[in-house]
Amino acid sequence: MRMSQRVAAASGLAALTVALTAGVASAHVTANPSTAEPGSYSKVSFRVPNEQQSADTTKLEIDLPTDHPIASVSVRPQPGWDVKVEKAKLATPLKSDDGEITQAVSKITWSGGKIAPGEFQEFDVSMGPLPTGTDRLVFKAKQTYSGGEVVNWDQDPGNGGQEPEHPAPTVHLVSARTASAPVNAGSPTKASSSDGTARLLGTLGLVAGIIGIAVGGYGLSRKRTA
């Protein structure tokens, strides 16, 4: 009887740990929406959650890809935050209706505000026309906390498979026709579905953990009473 009680309690604690870990792992900086049409103008929101328990997020830096520059970039004001937009000279100028564009936005930095523990904020950027010579845009991000810790979200997320520990925010470029076609295993929709499944499993694990701990405690209580 004692052994079964210990197994129940241990199983509950293990399931609870897995569920909590899964919740933390999913809280990373993301670009929303995760898909857009090449050649279009789009508003991209960089969603930034605070993963720390005792520090505020005080700075966000987003690098725009210079290998696939975007001609027009504008930032929506974020209450409480200061924004700095930096440009870089292009190796190959972009052609537009107004002539050649020799510089493009390469970095956007928000500072002076804060995101408290357990909260998130979204930073909106309007950009376009989106490149047509690539199937995705990877935006490397740097998140700074009030305690001095800096987290780099700069790892290539790939096109499916296991996600890295610190994936960079990514927007997949798909045509309207491709977006309406059946989704393959490596598509963003599939990834979103997998994320939803992971959250469901995490919730079930949390419930199983609580039940396991309760069963173990109840068994020990009866034994002591006897």
Protein backbone atom coordinates (compact mmCIF):
# COMPACT_ATOMS: atom_id res chain seq x y z
CA MET A 1 0.00 0.00 0.00
CA ARG A 2 2.82 2.37 0.94
CA MET A 3 4.54 1.75 -2.40
CA SER A 4 1.40 2.55 -4.41
CA GLN A 5 0.96 5.80 -2.49
CA ARG A 6 4.54 6.83 -3.23
CA VAL A 7 4.13 6.00 -6.92
CA ALA A 8 0.94 8.04 -7.14
CA ALA A 9 2.54 11.05 -5.46
CA ALA A 10 5.70 10.82 -7.59
CA SER A 11 3.69 10.51 -10.79
CA GLY A 12 1.65 13.54 -9.85
CA LEU A 13 4.71 15.66 -9.17
CA ALA A 14 6.34 14.58 -12.44
CA ALA A 15 3.24 15.42 -14.47
CA LEU A 16 2.92 18.77 -12.72
CA THR A 17 6.55 19.60 -13.50
CA VAL A 18 6.17 18.69 -17.18
CA ALA A 19 3.03 20.82 -17.50
CA LEU A 20 4.63 23.88 -15.93
CA THR A 21 7.78 23.48 -18.04
CA ALA A 22 5.75 23.23 -21.25
CA GLY A 23 3.97 26.49 -20.37
CA VAL A 24 7.24 28.36 -19.89
CA ALA A 25 8.84 26.96 -23.05
CA SER A 26 6.01 28.27 -25.23
CA ALA A 27 6.35 31.85 -23.95
CA HIS A 28 8.70 33.36 -26.51
CA VAL A 29 8.74 36.48 -28.69
CA THR A 30 6.61 35.91 -31.81
CA ALA A 31 5.54 37.76 -34.95
CA ASN A 32 1.79 37.89 -35.59
CA PRO A 33 0.31 37.05 -37.99
CA SER A 34 2.78 34.30 -38.81
CA THR A 35 1.88 34.39 -42.52
CA ALA A 36 1.56 37.17 -45.12
CA GLU A 37 1.36 37.48 -48.89
CA PRO A 38 4.51 38.40 -50.88
CA GLY A 39 4.34 41.88 -52.39
CA SER A 40 1.67 43.02 -49.93
CA TYR A 41 1.66 45.53 -47.10
CA SER A 42 1.11 44.04 -43.66
CA LYS A 43 0.94 45.01 -40.01
CA VAL A 44 3.19 42.73 -37.96
CA SER A 45 2.77 42.66 -34.19
CA PHE A 46 5.74 41.50 -32.16
CA ARG A 47 4.25 39.82 -29.09
CA VAL A 48 6.55 39.96 -26.07
CA PRO A 49 5.72 37.99 -22.90
CA ASN A 50 7.67 38.39 -19.66
CA GLU A 51 9.20 35.06 -18.63
CA GLN A 52 10.81 36.34 -15.42
CA GLN A 53 9.22 36.11 -11.98
CA SER A 54 10.97 39.09 -10.37
CA ALA A 55 12.08 41.40 -13.22
CA ASP A 56 10.41 43.61 -15.83
CA THR A 57 11.10 43.58 -19.55
CA THR A 58 12.52 47.05 -20.20
CA LYS A 59 13.82 46.91 -23.77
CA LEU A 60 13.06 45.18 -27.07
CA GLU A 61 15.24 45.21 -30.17
CA ILE A 62 14.06 43.84 -33.51
CA ASP A 63 16.44 43.35 -36.46
CA LEU A 64 14.85 43.50 -39.89
CA PRO A 65 16.43 41.22 -42.52
CA THR A 66 18.85 43.19 -44.69
CA ASP A 67 19.19 40.39 -47.24
CA HIS A 68 15.51 40.95 -48.09
CA PRO A 69 14.99 44.64 -47.26
CA ILE A 70 11.57 46.25 -46.93
CA ALA A 71 11.13 49.64 -48.56
CA SER A 72 8.45 51.12 -46.29
CA VAL A 73 8.44 50.60 -42.51
CA SER A 74 6.47 52.61 -39.94
CA VAL A 75 5.98 52.08 -36.23
CA ARG A 76 2.79 52.51 -34.21
CA PRO A 77 3.42 54.56 -31.03
CA GLN A 78 3.44 52.40 -27.90
CA PRO A 79 2.29 54.26 -24.75
CA GLY A 80 5.10 54.50 -22.20
CA TRP A 81 7.82 53.45 -24.64
CA ASP A 82 10.42 55.36 -26.65
CA VAL A 83 11.22 54.05 -30.12
CA LYS A 84 14.36 54.36 -32.20
CA VAL A 85 14.46 53.39 -35.88
CA GLU A 86 17.81 52.74 -37.56
CA LYS A 87 18.51 52.47 -41.29
CA ALA A 88 21.30 50.76 -43.22
CA LYS A 89 22.66 51.38 -46.69
CA LEU A 90 21.60 48.73 -49.19
CA ALA A 91 24.14 46.87 -51.29
CA THR A 92 21.53 46.70 -54.05
CA PRO A 93 19.05 49.62 -54.17
CA LEU A 94 15.35 48.85 -54.25
CA LYS A 95 13.25 50.11 -57.13
CA SER A 96 9.99 51.91 -56.44
CA ASP A 97 7.53 54.23 -58.18
CA ASP A 98 9.39 57.15 -56.62
CA GLY A 99 12.81 55.97 -57.82
CA GLU A 100 15.61 54.00 -56.20
CA ILE A 101 15.71 53.42 -52.46
CA THR A 102 19.28 53.21 -51.15
CA GLN A 103 18.49 52.81 -47.45
CA ALA A 104 16.05 50.62 -45.53
CA VAL A 105 15.12 50.13 -41.88
CA SER A 106 17.44 47.57 -40.31
CA LYS A 107 16.63 47.82 -36.60
CA ILE A 108 13.84 49.02 -34.30
CA THR A 109 14.39 49.51 -30.56
CA TRP A 110 11.73 50.13 -27.90
CA SER A 111 12.91 51.27 -24.46
CA GLY A 112 11.80 53.23 -21.42
CA GLY A 113 8.68 51.19 -20.74
CA LYS A 114 8.13 47.94 -18.88
CA ILE A 115 6.36 44.62 -19.12
CA ALA A 116 5.68 43.24 -15.65
CA PRO A 117 5.96 39.53 -14.72
CA GLY A 118 2.97 37.57 -15.95
CA GLU A 119 2.14 40.18 -18.60
CA PHE A 120 2.79 40.70 -22.33
CA GLN A 121 2.66 43.54 -24.80
CA GLU A 122 2.49 43.82 -28.60
CA PHE A 123 4.60 46.21 -30.67
CA ASP A 124 3.04 46.99 -34.07
CA VAL A 125 5.02 47.66 -37.24
CA SER A 126 3.54 48.36 -40.68
CA MET A 127 5.76 47.14 -43.51
CA GLY A 128 5.74 46.57 -47.23
CA PRO A 129 5.84 45.71 -49.94
CA LEU A 130 6.96 42.35 -48.55
CA PRO A 131 9.72 40.61 -50.56
CA THR A 132 8.85 38.19 -53.34
CA GLY A 133 12.22 36.44 -53.58
CA THR A 134 11.94 34.45 -50.33
CA ASP A 135 9.41 32.29 -48.54
CA ARG A 136 9.92 33.80 -45.07
CA LEU A 137 11.21 36.75 -43.09
CA VAL A 138 13.20 36.09 -39.91
CA PHE A 139 13.32 38.93 -37.39
CA LYS A 140 16.04 38.44 -34.78
CA ALA A 141 14.97 39.86 -31.42
CA LYS A 142 16.71 40.85 -28.18
CA GLN A 143 14.75 41.12 -24.92
CA THR A 144 16.32 42.94 -21.95
CA TYR A 145 15.15 42.66 -18.33
CA SER A 146 15.45 45.14 -15.46
CA GLY A 147 17.83 42.74 -13.69
CA GLY A 148 20.31 43.01 -16.55
CA GLU A 149 19.54 39.65 -18.22
CA VAL A 150 19.41 39.70 -22.02
CA VAL A 151 17.63 36.96 -23.99
CA ASN A 152 18.42 36.65 -27.70
CA TRP A 153 15.58 35.24 -29.78
CA ASP A 154 17.77 34.68 -32.82
CA GLN A 155 17.79 30.96 -33.66
CA ASP A 156 16.52 29.87 -37.06
CA PRO A 157 13.15 28.18 -36.42
CA GLY A 158 13.47 26.09 -39.59
CA ASN A 159 10.52 24.85 -41.61
CA GLY A 160 9.14 22.20 -39.31
CA GLY A 161 10.56 19.66 -36.91
CA GLN A 162 11.79 20.41 -33.43
CA GLU A 163 11.77 24.07 -32.47
CA PRO A 164 15.02 25.55 -31.08
CA GLU A 165 15.21 26.93 -27.54
CA HIS A 166 15.21 30.60 -28.64
CA PRO A 167 13.47 30.80 -32.06
CA ALA A 168 13.48 34.12 -33.88
CA PRO A 169 10.09 35.67 -34.72
CA THR A 170 9.22 34.60 -38.27
CA VAL A 171 6.67 35.56 -40.91
CA HIS A 172 6.12 32.98 -43.66
CA LEU A 173 5.39 34.45 -47.08
CA VAL A 174 2.75 32.51 -48.97
CA SER A 175 0.57 33.44 -51.92
CA ALA A 176 -3.20 33.50 -51.54
CA ARG A 177 -3.46 30.35 -53.67
CA THR A 178 -0.91 28.49 -51.56
CA ALA A 179 -2.58 29.60 -48.34
CA SER A 180 -5.91 28.09 -49.46
CA ALA A 181 -4.30 24.75 -50.40
CA PRO A 182 -4.03 21.77 -47.98
CA VAL A 183 -1.37 22.43 -45.36
CA ASN A 184 1.71 20.19 -45.27
CA ALA A 185 3.64 19.05 -42.22
CA GLY A 186 6.09 21.95 -42.24
CA SER A 187 3.59 24.79 -42.62
CA PRO A 188 2.90 27.51 -40.01
CA THR A 189 -0.69 26.25 -39.59
CA LYS A 190 0.62 22.83 -38.71
CA ALA A 191 3.00 24.39 -36.24
CA SER A 192 0.11 26.34 -34.69
CA SER A 193 -1.90 23.12 -34.39
CA SER A 194 1.04 21.39 -32.74
CA ASP A 195 1.35 24.27 -30.28
CA GLY A 196 -2.34 23.93 -29.41
CA THR A 197 -1.89 20.20 -28.87
CA ALA A 198 1.11 20.84 -26.64
CA ARG A 199 -0.93 23.23 -24.51
CA LEU A 200 -3.76 20.69 -24.23
CA LEU A 201 -1.31 17.99 -23.15
CA GLY A 202 0.24 20.40 -20.67
CA THR A 203 -3.20 21.11 -19.15
CA LEU A 204 -4.01 17.40 -18.94
CA GLY A 205 -0.63 16.82 -17.31
CA LEU A 206 -1.38 19.51 -14.74
CA VAL A 207 -4.74 17.93 -13.89
CA ALA A 208 -3.13 14.47 -13.66
CA GLY A 209 -0.47 15.89 -11.37
CA ILE A 210 -3.02 17.41 -9.01
CA ILE A 211 -5.04 14.16 -8.91
CA GLY A 212 -1.89 12.12 -8.24
CA ILE A 213 -0.83 14.35 -5.36
CA ALA A 214 -4.35 14.25 -3.88
CA VAL A 215 -4.51 10.45 -4.08
CA GLY A 216 -1.11 10.10 -2.43
CA GLY A 217 -2.03 12.53 0.35
CA TYR A 218 -5.37 10.83 0.97
CA GLY A 219 -3.68 7.44 1.27
CA LEU A 220 -1.12 8.70 3.76
CA SER A 221 -3.86 10.40 5.78
CA ARG A 222 -5.87 7.14 6.05
CA LYS A 223 -2.76 5.21 7.05
CA ARG A 224 -1.95 7.68 9.86
CA THR A 225 -5.57 7.59 11.10
CA ALA A 226 -5.52 3.79 11.14
